[in-house]
Amino acid sequence: EEEKASMTDYEDFIYHNSTFCELRELALKTIQ
């Protein structure tokens, strides 16, 4: 999914890929 997004449009991937969104949230919690 990431490879397809990198060739077309990352926007949907950034906002809607559940694994990526969870990574972003966990990174924030880790910082805290």
Full PDB file with SEQRES, HELIX, SHEET, SSBOND, CRYST1, ORIGX, SCALE, CONECT and MASTER records, all heavy atoms in Angstrom:
SEQRES   1 A   32  GLU GLU GLU LYS ALA SER MET THR ASP TYR GLU ASP PHE          
SEQRES   2 A   32  ILE TYR HIS ASN SER THR PHE CYS GLU LEU ARG GLU LEU          
SEQRES   3 A   32  ALA LEU LYS THR ILE GLN                                      
HELIX    1 AA1 GLU A    2  MET A    7  1                                   6    
HELIX    2 AA2 TYR A   10  HIS A   16  1                                   7    
HELIX    3 AA3 SER A   18  ILE A   31  1                                  14    
CRYST1    1.000    1.000    1.000  90.00  90.00  90.00 P 1           1          
ORIGX1      1.000000  0.000000  0.000000        0.00000                         
ORIGX2      0.000000  1.000000  0.000000        0.00000                         
ORIGX3      0.000000  0.000000  1.000000        0.00000                         
SCALE1      1.000000  0.000000  0.000000        0.00000                         
SCALE2      0.000000  1.000000  0.000000        0.00000                         
SCALE3      0.000000  0.000000  1.000000        0.00000                         
ATOM      1  N   GLU A   1       0.835  -1.204   0.000  1.00  0.00           N  
ATOM      2  CA  GLU A   1       0.000   0.000   0.000  1.00  0.00           C  
ATOM      3  C   GLU A   1       0.871   1.257   0.000  1.00  0.00           C  
ATOM      4  O   GLU A   1       0.575   2.232  -0.694  1.00  0.00           O  
ATOM      5  CB  GLU A   1      -0.927   0.005   1.214  1.00  0.00           C  
ATOM      6  CG  GLU A   1      -2.011  -1.045   1.151  1.00  0.00           C  
ATOM      7  CD  GLU A   1      -2.839  -1.132   2.425  1.00  0.00           C  
ATOM      8  OE1 GLU A   1      -2.632  -0.306   3.347  1.00  0.00           O  
ATOM      9  OE2 GLU A   1      -3.676  -2.039   2.512  1.00  0.00           O  
ATOM     10  N   GLU A   2       1.957   1.223   0.759  1.00  0.00           N  
ATOM     11  CA  GLU A   2       2.870   2.365   0.815  1.00  0.00           C  
ATOM     12  C   GLU A   2       3.529   2.603  -0.534  1.00  0.00           C  
ATOM     13  O   GLU A   2       3.652   3.735  -0.988  1.00  0.00           O  
ATOM     14  CB  GLU A   2       3.940   2.136   1.896  1.00  0.00           C  
ATOM     15  CG  GLU A   2       4.816   3.345   2.175  1.00  0.00           C  
ATOM     16  CD  GLU A   2       5.967   3.510   1.196  1.00  0.00           C  
ATOM     17  OE1 GLU A   2       6.406   2.517   0.594  1.00  0.00           O  
ATOM     18  OE2 GLU A   2       6.430   4.649   1.026  1.00  0.00           O  
ATOM     19  N   GLU A   3       3.927   1.525  -1.197  1.00  0.00           N  
ATOM     20  CA  GLU A   3       4.583   1.660  -2.501  1.00  0.00           C  
ATOM     21  C   GLU A   3       3.637   2.277  -3.528  1.00  0.00           C  
ATOM     22  O   GLU A   3       4.019   3.174  -4.276  1.00  0.00           O  
ATOM     23  CB  GLU A   3       5.082   0.306  -2.988  1.00  0.00           C  
ATOM     24  CG  GLU A   3       5.867   0.403  -4.285  1.00  0.00           C  
ATOM     25  CD  GLU A   3       6.448  -0.930  -4.723  1.00  0.00           C  
ATOM     26  OE1 GLU A   3       6.188  -1.961  -4.082  1.00  0.00           O  
ATOM     27  OE2 GLU A   3       7.155  -0.933  -5.739  1.00  0.00           O  
ATOM     28  N   LYS A   4       2.389   1.816  -3.535  1.00  0.00           N  
ATOM     29  CA  LYS A   4       1.400   2.400  -4.448  1.00  0.00           C  
ATOM     30  C   LYS A   4       1.202   3.884  -4.144  1.00  0.00           C  
ATOM     31  O   LYS A   4       1.133   4.720  -5.043  1.00  0.00           O  
ATOM     32  CB  LYS A   4       0.066   1.668  -4.329  1.00  0.00           C  
ATOM     33  CG  LYS A   4       0.056   0.293  -4.940  1.00  0.00           C  
ATOM     34  CD  LYS A   4      -1.278  -0.380  -4.716  1.00  0.00           C  
ATOM     35  CE  LYS A   4      -1.216  -1.842  -5.080  1.00  0.00           C  
ATOM     36  NZ  LYS A   4      -2.435  -2.560  -4.669  1.00  0.00           N  
ATOM     37  N   ALA A   5       1.109   4.212  -2.860  1.00  0.00           N  
ATOM     38  CA  ALA A   5       0.892   5.607  -2.456  1.00  0.00           C  
ATOM     39  C   ALA A   5       2.083   6.486  -2.843  1.00  0.00           C  
ATOM     40  O   ALA A   5       1.898   7.617  -3.277  1.00  0.00           O  
ATOM     41  CB  ALA A   5       0.643   5.682  -0.953  1.00  0.00           C  
ATOM     42  N   SER A   6       3.283   5.949  -2.703  1.00  0.00           N  
ATOM     43  CA  SER A   6       4.469   6.753  -3.020  1.00  0.00           C  
ATOM     44  C   SER A   6       4.550   7.067  -4.505  1.00  0.00           C  
ATOM     45  O   SER A   6       5.167   8.048  -4.904  1.00  0.00           O  
ATOM     46  CB  SER A   6       5.746   6.042  -2.568  1.00  0.00           C  
ATOM     47  OG  SER A   6       6.013   4.918  -3.370  1.00  0.00           O  
ATOM     48  N   MET A   7       3.913   6.247  -5.322  1.00  0.00           N  
ATOM     49  CA  MET A   7       3.941   6.483  -6.767  1.00  0.00           C  
ATOM     50  C   MET A   7       2.776   7.356  -7.234  1.00  0.00           C  
ATOM     51  O   MET A   7       2.817   7.892  -8.322  1.00  0.00           O  
ATOM     52  CB  MET A   7       3.926   5.156  -7.512  1.00  0.00           C  
ATOM     53  CG  MET A   7       5.172   4.347  -7.300  1.00  0.00           C  
ATOM     54  SD  MET A   7       5.090   2.838  -8.242  1.00  0.00           S  
ATOM     55  CE  MET A   7       6.702   2.187  -7.958  1.00  0.00           C  
ATOM     56  N   THR A   8       1.753   7.454  -6.425  1.00  0.00           N  
ATOM     57  CA  THR A   8       0.599   8.251  -6.826  1.00  0.00           C  
ATOM     58  C   THR A   8       0.364   9.395  -5.844  1.00  0.00           C  
ATOM     59  O   THR A   8       0.756  10.519  -6.095  1.00  0.00           O  
ATOM     60  CB  THR A   8      -0.665   7.369  -6.947  1.00  0.00           C  
ATOM     61  OG1 THR A   8      -0.877   6.695  -5.700  1.00  0.00           O  
ATOM     62  CG2 THR A   8      -0.528   6.370  -8.075  1.00  0.00           C  
ATOM     63  N   ASP A   9      -0.263   9.085  -4.736  1.00  0.00           N  
ATOM     64  CA  ASP A   9      -0.642  10.138  -3.805  1.00  0.00           C  
ATOM     65  C   ASP A   9      -0.556   9.613  -2.379  1.00  0.00           C  
ATOM     66  O   ASP A   9      -1.291   8.714  -1.997  1.00  0.00           O  
ATOM     67  CB  ASP A   9      -2.064  10.601  -4.118  1.00  0.00           C  
ATOM     68  CG  ASP A   9      -2.495  11.773  -3.276  1.00  0.00           C  
ATOM     69  OD1 ASP A   9      -1.638  12.376  -2.596  1.00  0.00           O  
ATOM     70  OD2 ASP A   9      -3.686  12.090  -3.294  1.00  0.00           O  
ATOM     71  N   TYR A  10       0.334  10.210  -1.615  1.00  0.00           N  
ATOM     72  CA  TYR A  10       0.510   9.805  -0.218  1.00  0.00           C  
ATOM     73  C   TYR A  10      -0.631  10.271   0.680  1.00  0.00           C  
ATOM     74  O   TYR A  10      -0.787   9.787   1.786  1.00  0.00           O  
ATOM     75  CB  TYR A  10       1.802  10.405   0.336  1.00  0.00           C  
ATOM     76  CG  TYR A  10       2.979   9.457   0.415  1.00  0.00           C  
ATOM     77  CD1 TYR A  10       4.246   9.897   0.082  1.00  0.00           C  
ATOM     78  CD2 TYR A  10       2.840   8.155   0.857  1.00  0.00           C  
ATOM     79  CE1 TYR A  10       5.340   9.058   0.170  1.00  0.00           C  
ATOM     80  CE2 TYR A  10       3.925   7.310   0.943  1.00  0.00           C  
ATOM     81  CZ  TYR A  10       5.176   7.769   0.609  1.00  0.00           C  
ATOM     82  OH  TYR A  10       6.254   6.944   0.699  1.00  0.00           O  
ATOM     83  N   GLU A  11      -1.406  11.221   0.224  1.00  0.00           N  
ATOM     84  CA  GLU A  11      -2.389  11.849   1.107  1.00  0.00           C  
ATOM     85  C   GLU A  11      -3.334  10.836   1.754  1.00  0.00           C  
ATOM     86  O   GLU A  11      -3.510  10.821   2.969  1.00  0.00           O  
ATOM     87  CB  GLU A  11      -3.193  12.910   0.355  1.00  0.00           C  
ATOM     88  CG  GLU A  11      -4.036  13.746   1.269  1.00  0.00           C  
ATOM     89  CD  GLU A  11      -4.583  14.985   0.583  1.00  0.00           C  
ATOM     90  OE1 GLU A  11      -4.246  15.244  -0.573  1.00  0.00           O  
ATOM     91  OE2 GLU A  11      -5.371  15.676   1.236  1.00  0.00           O  
ATOM     92  N   ASP A  12      -3.941   9.977   0.969  1.00  0.00           N  
ATOM     93  CA  ASP A  12      -4.859   8.983   1.523  1.00  0.00           C  
ATOM     94  C   ASP A  12      -4.134   8.059   2.488  1.00  0.00           C  
ATOM     95  O   ASP A  12      -4.653   7.720   3.549  1.00  0.00           O  
ATOM     96  CB  ASP A  12      -5.514   8.181   0.390  1.00  0.00           C  
ATOM     97  CG  ASP A  12      -6.604   7.270   0.905  1.00  0.00           C  
ATOM     98  OD1 ASP A  12      -7.568   7.781   1.512  1.00  0.00           O  
ATOM     99  OD2 ASP A  12      -6.476   6.037   0.731  1.00  0.00           O  
ATOM    100  N   PHE A  13      -2.930   7.663   2.129  1.00  0.00           N  
ATOM    101  CA  PHE A  13      -2.138   6.771   2.980  1.00  0.00           C  
ATOM    102  C   PHE A  13      -1.844   7.431   4.327  1.00  0.00           C  
ATOM    103  O   PHE A  13      -2.037   6.833   5.379  1.00  0.00           O  
ATOM    104  CB  PHE A  13      -0.831   6.401   2.265  1.00  0.00           C  
ATOM    105  CG  PHE A  13       0.020   5.429   3.014  1.00  0.00           C  
ATOM    106  CD1 PHE A  13      -0.220   4.071   2.912  1.00  0.00           C  
ATOM    107  CD2 PHE A  13       1.063   5.857   3.816  1.00  0.00           C  
ATOM    108  CE1 PHE A  13       0.562   3.147   3.598  1.00  0.00           C  
ATOM    109  CE2 PHE A  13       1.848   4.955   4.512  1.00  0.00           C  
ATOM    110  CZ  PHE A  13       1.594   3.607   4.396  1.00  0.00           C  
ATOM    111  N   ILE A  14      -1.401   8.660   4.304  1.00  0.00           N  
ATOM    112  CA  ILE A  14      -1.044   9.377   5.530  1.00  0.00           C  
ATOM    113  C   ILE A  14      -2.240   9.496   6.473  1.00  0.00           C  
ATOM    114  O   ILE A  14      -2.119   9.285   7.671  1.00  0.00           O  
ATOM    115  CB  ILE A  14      -0.500  10.782   5.196  1.00  0.00           C  
ATOM    116  CG1 ILE A  14       0.867  10.666   4.538  1.00  0.00           C  
ATOM    117  CG2 ILE A  14      -0.424  11.659   6.442  1.00  0.00           C  
ATOM    118  CD1 ILE A  14       1.375  11.982   3.957  1.00  0.00           C  
ATOM    119  N   TYR A  15      -3.395   9.802   5.923  1.00  0.00           N  
ATOM    120  CA  TYR A  15      -4.571  10.047   6.757  1.00  0.00           C  
ATOM    121  C   TYR A  15      -5.381   8.803   7.093  1.00  0.00           C  
ATOM    122  O   TYR A  15      -6.070   8.785   8.112  1.00  0.00           O  
ATOM    123  CB  TYR A  15      -5.502  11.059   6.083  1.00  0.00           C  
ATOM    124  CG  TYR A  15      -4.892  12.418   5.906  1.00  0.00           C  
ATOM    125  CD1 TYR A  15      -4.660  12.927   4.646  1.00  0.00           C  
ATOM    126  CD2 TYR A  15      -4.533  13.190   7.001  1.00  0.00           C  
ATOM    127  CE1 TYR A  15      -4.096  14.183   4.472  1.00  0.00           C  
ATOM    128  CE2 TYR A  15      -3.967  14.447   6.844  1.00  0.00           C  
ATOM    129  CZ  TYR A  15      -3.749  14.925   5.574  1.00  0.00           C  
ATOM    130  OH  TYR A  15      -3.181  16.172   5.403  1.00  0.00           O  
ATOM    131  N   HIS A  16      -5.294   7.766   6.246  1.00  0.00           N  
ATOM    132  CA  HIS A  16      -6.245   6.671   6.415  1.00  0.00           C  
ATOM    133  C   HIS A  16      -5.650   5.275   6.589  1.00  0.00           C  
ATOM    134  O   HIS A  16      -6.388   4.351   6.928  1.00  0.00           O  
ATOM    135  CB  HIS A  16      -7.217   6.647   5.224  1.00  0.00           C  
ATOM    136  CG  HIS A  16      -7.969   7.931   5.068  1.00  0.00           C  
ATOM    137  ND1 HIS A  16      -8.896   8.375   5.977  1.00  0.00           N  
ATOM    138  CD2 HIS A  16      -7.898   8.891   4.124  1.00  0.00           C  
ATOM    139  CE1 HIS A  16      -9.378   9.534   5.595  1.00  0.00           C  
ATOM    140  NE2 HIS A  16      -8.777   9.881   4.463  1.00  0.00           N  
ATOM    141  N   ASN A  17      -4.362   5.097   6.359  1.00  0.00           N  
ATOM    142  CA  ASN A  17      -3.794   3.764   6.583  1.00  0.00           C  
ATOM    143  C   ASN A  17      -3.751   3.524   8.086  1.00  0.00           C  
ATOM    144  O   ASN A  17      -3.075   4.251   8.825  1.00  0.00           O  
ATOM    145  CB  ASN A  17      -2.392   3.653   5.967  1.00  0.00           C  
ATOM    146  CG  ASN A  17      -1.811   2.282   6.175  1.00  0.00           C  
ATOM    147  OD1 ASN A  17      -1.327   1.966   7.255  1.00  0.00           O  
ATOM    148  ND2 ASN A  17      -1.892   1.455   5.143  1.00  0.00           N  
ATOM    149  N   SER A  18      -4.476   2.522   8.546  1.00  0.00           N  
ATOM    150  CA  SER A  18      -4.634   2.321   9.990  1.00  0.00           C  
ATOM    151  C   SER A  18      -3.303   2.042  10.687  1.00  0.00           C  
ATOM    152  O   SER A  18      -3.053   2.576  11.772  1.00  0.00           O  
ATOM    153  CB  SER A  18      -5.628   1.198  10.272  1.00  0.00           C  
ATOM    154  OG  SER A  18      -5.176  -0.019   9.728  1.00  0.00           O  
ATOM    155  N   THR A  19      -2.441   1.246  10.093  1.00  0.00           N  
ATOM    156  CA  THR A  19      -1.153   0.944  10.722  1.00  0.00           C  
ATOM    157  C   THR A  19      -0.306   2.206  10.840  1.00  0.00           C  
ATOM    158  O   THR A  19       0.300   2.475  11.881  1.00  0.00           O  
ATOM    159  CB  THR A  19      -0.388  -0.139   9.932  1.00  0.00           C  
ATOM    160  OG1 THR A  19      -1.207  -1.312   9.858  1.00  0.00           O  
ATOM    161  CG2 THR A  19       0.927  -0.481  10.587  1.00  0.00           C  
ATOM    162  N   PHE A  20      -0.277   3.001   9.783  1.00  0.00           N  
ATOM    163  CA  PHE A  20       0.513   4.228   9.809  1.00  0.00           C  
ATOM    164  C   PHE A  20      -0.045   5.213  10.833  1.00  0.00           C  
ATOM    165  O   PHE A  20       0.714   5.844  11.578  1.00  0.00           O  
ATOM    166  CB  PHE A  20       0.579   4.851   8.410  1.00  0.00           C  
ATOM    167  CG  PHE A  20       1.610   5.926   8.288  1.00  0.00           C  
ATOM    168  CD1 PHE A  20       2.956   5.635   8.413  1.00  0.00           C  
ATOM    169  CD2 PHE A  20       1.226   7.235   8.063  1.00  0.00           C  
ATOM    170  CE1 PHE A  20       3.915   6.641   8.318  1.00  0.00           C  
ATOM    171  CE2 PHE A  20       2.175   8.242   7.954  1.00  0.00           C  
ATOM    172  CZ  PHE A  20       3.517   7.938   8.081  1.00  0.00           C  
ATOM    173  N   CYS A  21      -1.361   5.342  10.901  1.00  0.00           N  
ATOM    174  CA  CYS A  21      -1.986   6.234  11.882  1.00  0.00           C  
ATOM    175  C   CYS A  21      -1.683   5.763  13.308  1.00  0.00           C  
ATOM    176  O   CYS A  21      -1.409   6.581  14.199  1.00  0.00           O  
ATOM    177  CB  CYS A  21      -3.490   6.309  11.656  1.00  0.00           C  
ATOM    178  SG  CYS A  21      -3.948   7.180  10.137  1.00  0.00           S  
ATOM    179  N   GLU A  22      -1.697   4.453  13.524  1.00  0.00           N  
ATOM    180  CA  GLU A  22      -1.379   3.904  14.846  1.00  0.00           C  
ATOM    181  C   GLU A  22       0.085   4.141  15.207  1.00  0.00           C  
ATOM    182  O   GLU A  22       0.404   4.424  16.364  1.00  0.00           O  
ATOM    183  CB  GLU A  22      -1.707   2.413  14.895  1.00  0.00           C  
ATOM    184  CG  GLU A  22      -3.195   2.132  14.884  1.00  0.00           C  
ATOM    185  CD  GLU A  22      -3.532   0.673  14.626  1.00  0.00           C  
ATOM    186  OE1 GLU A  22      -2.614  -0.184  14.615  1.00  0.00           O  
ATOM    187  OE2 GLU A  22      -4.723   0.371  14.424  1.00  0.00           O  
ATOM    188  N   LEU A  23       0.983   4.042  14.227  1.00  0.00           N  
ATOM    189  CA  LEU A  23       2.392   4.345  14.472  1.00  0.00           C  
ATOM    190  C   LEU A  23       2.556   5.800  14.894  1.00  0.00           C  
ATOM    191  O   LEU A  23       3.307   6.109  15.825  1.00  0.00           O  
ATOM    192  CB  LEU A  23       3.230   4.081  13.215  1.00  0.00           C  
ATOM    193  CG  LEU A  23       3.640   2.651  12.937  1.00  0.00           C  
ATOM    194  CD1 LEU A  23       4.245   2.533  11.546  1.00  0.00           C  
ATOM    195  CD2 LEU A  23       4.633   2.155  13.980  1.00  0.00           C  
ATOM    196  N   ARG A  24       1.863   6.690  14.213  1.00  0.00           N  
ATOM    197  CA  ARG A  24       1.938   8.114  14.530  1.00  0.00           C  
ATOM    198  C   ARG A  24       1.448   8.369  15.958  1.00  0.00           C  
ATOM    199  O   ARG A  24       2.091   9.077  16.730  1.00  0.00           O  
ATOM    200  CB  ARG A  24       1.124   8.917  13.514  1.00  0.00           C  
ATOM    201  CG  ARG A  24       1.260  10.406  13.674  1.00  0.00           C  
ATOM    202  CD  ARG A  24       0.658  11.220  12.539  1.00  0.00           C  
ATOM    203  NE  ARG A  24      -0.641  10.793  12.113  1.00  0.00           N  
ATOM    204  CZ  ARG A  24      -0.919  10.320  10.879  1.00  0.00           C  
ATOM    205  NH1 ARG A  24       0.012  10.235   9.959  1.00  0.00           N  
ATOM    206  NH2 ARG A  24      -2.147   9.950  10.574  1.00  0.00           N  
ATOM    207  N   GLU A  25       0.332   7.755  16.326  1.00  0.00           N  
ATOM    208  CA  GLU A  25      -0.222   7.932  17.671  1.00  0.00           C  
ATOM    209  C   GLU A  25       0.705   7.365  18.742  1.00  0.00           C  
ATOM    210  O   GLU A  25       0.908   7.984  19.792  1.00  0.00           O  
ATOM    211  CB  GLU A  25      -1.593   7.261  17.761  1.00  0.00           C  
ATOM    212  CG  GLU A  25      -2.674   7.969  16.970  1.00  0.00           C  
ATOM    213  CD  GLU A  25      -3.969   7.171  16.911  1.00  0.00           C  
ATOM    214  OE1 GLU A  25      -4.177   6.270  17.755  1.00  0.00           O  
ATOM    215  OE2 GLU A  25      -4.780   7.449  16.012  1.00  0.00           O  
ATOM    216  N   LEU A  26       1.290   6.197  18.481  1.00  0.00           N  
ATOM    217  CA  LEU A  26       2.182   5.581  19.458  1.00  0.00           C  
ATOM    218  C   LEU A  26       3.473   6.390  19.604  1.00  0.00           C  
ATOM    219  O   LEU A  26       4.008   6.510  20.711  1.00  0.00           O  
ATOM    220  CB  LEU A  26       2.494   4.131  19.071  1.00  0.00           C  
ATOM    221  CG  LEU A  26       3.305   3.338  20.086  1.00  0.00           C  
ATOM    222  CD1 LEU A  26       2.623   3.306  21.455  1.00  0.00           C  
ATOM    223  CD2 LEU A  26       3.535   1.915  19.578  1.00  0.00           C  
ATOM    224  N   ALA A  27       3.958   6.955  18.515  1.00  0.00           N  
ATOM    225  CA  ALA A  27       5.148   7.809  18.598  1.00  0.00           C  
ATOM    226  C   ALA A  27       4.871   9.007  19.510  1.00  0.00           C  
ATOM    227  O   ALA A  27       5.706   9.371  20.345  1.00  0.00           O  
ATOM    228  CB  ALA A  27       5.574   8.274  17.208  1.00  0.00           C  
ATOM    229  N   LEU A  28       3.694   9.598  19.392  1.00  0.00           N  
ATOM    230  CA  LEU A  28       3.325  10.725  20.250  1.00  0.00           C  
ATOM    231  C   LEU A  28       3.254  10.288  21.713  1.00  0.00           C  
ATOM    232  O   LEU A  28       3.772  10.965  22.602  1.00  0.00           O  
ATOM    233  CB  LEU A  28       1.996  11.326  19.805  1.00  0.00           C  
ATOM    234  CG  LEU A  28       1.481  12.499  20.634  1.00  0.00           C  
ATOM    235  CD1 LEU A  28       2.484  13.652  20.649  1.00  0.00           C  
ATOM    236  CD2 LEU A  28       0.139  12.970  20.104  1.00  0.00           C  
ATOM    237  N   LYS A  29       2.633   9.147  21.978  1.00  0.00           N  
ATOM    238  CA  LYS A  29       2.545   8.640  23.353  1.00  0.00           C  
ATOM    239  C   LYS A  29       3.931   8.362  23.923  1.00  0.00           C  
ATOM    240  O   LYS A  29       4.196   8.609  25.099  1.00  0.00           O  
ATOM    241  CB  LYS A  29       1.699   7.364  23.395  1.00  0.00           C  
ATOM    242  CG  LYS A  29       0.225   7.608  23.194  1.00  0.00           C  
ATOM    243  CD  LYS A  29      -0.547   6.311  23.198  1.00  0.00           C  
ATOM    244  CE  LYS A  29      -2.006   6.553  22.866  1.00  0.00           C  
ATOM    245  NZ  LYS A  29      -2.762   5.306  22.723  1.00  0.00           N  
ATOM    246  N   THR A  30       4.826   7.863  23.079  1.00  0.00           N  
ATOM    247  CA  THR A  30       6.189   7.567  23.521  1.00  0.00           C  
ATOM    248  C   THR A  30       6.908   8.859  23.893  1.00  0.00           C  
ATOM    249  O   THR A  30       7.595   8.920  24.921  1.00  0.00           O  
ATOM    250  CB  THR A  30       6.952   6.792  22.432  1.00  0.00           C  
ATOM    251  OG1 THR A  30       6.219   5.597  22.116  1.00  0.00           O  
ATOM    252  CG2 THR A  30       8.348   6.412  22.895  1.00  0.00           C  
ATOM    253  N   ILE A  31       6.750   9.892  23.089  1.00  0.00           N  
ATOM    254  CA  ILE A  31       7.338  11.200  23.402  1.00  0.00           C  
ATOM    255  C   ILE A  31       6.834  11.676  24.767  1.00  0.00           C  
ATOM    256  O   ILE A  31       7.602  12.182  25.591  1.00  0.00           O  
ATOM    257  CB  ILE A  31       7.004  12.225  22.300  1.00  0.00           C  
ATOM    258  CG1 ILE A  31       7.756  11.886  21.008  1.00  0.00           C  
ATOM    259  CG2 ILE A  31       7.315  13.654  22.744  1.00  0.00           C  
ATOM    260  CD1 ILE A  31       7.274  12.656  19.785  1.00  0.00           C  
ATOM    261  N   GLN A  32       5.559  11.488  25.026  1.00  0.00           N  
ATOM    262  CA  GLN A  32       4.968  11.926  26.288  1.00  0.00           C  
ATOM    263  C   GLN A  32       5.502  11.117  27.467  1.00  0.00           C  
ATOM    264  O   GLN A  32       5.691  11.659  28.558  1.00  0.00           O  
ATOM    265  CB  GLN A  32       3.440  11.847  26.209  1.00  0.00           C  
ATOM    266  CG  GLN A  32       2.879  12.872  25.246  1.00  0.00           C  
ATOM    267  CD  GLN A  32       1.417  12.654  24.892  1.00  0.00           C  
ATOM    268  OE1 GLN A  32       0.869  11.564  25.063  1.00  0.00           O  
ATOM    269  NE2 GLN A  32       0.790  13.701  24.379  1.00  0.00           N  
TER     270      GLN A  32                                                      
MASTER        0    0    0    3    0    0    0    6  269    1    0    3          
END                                                                             
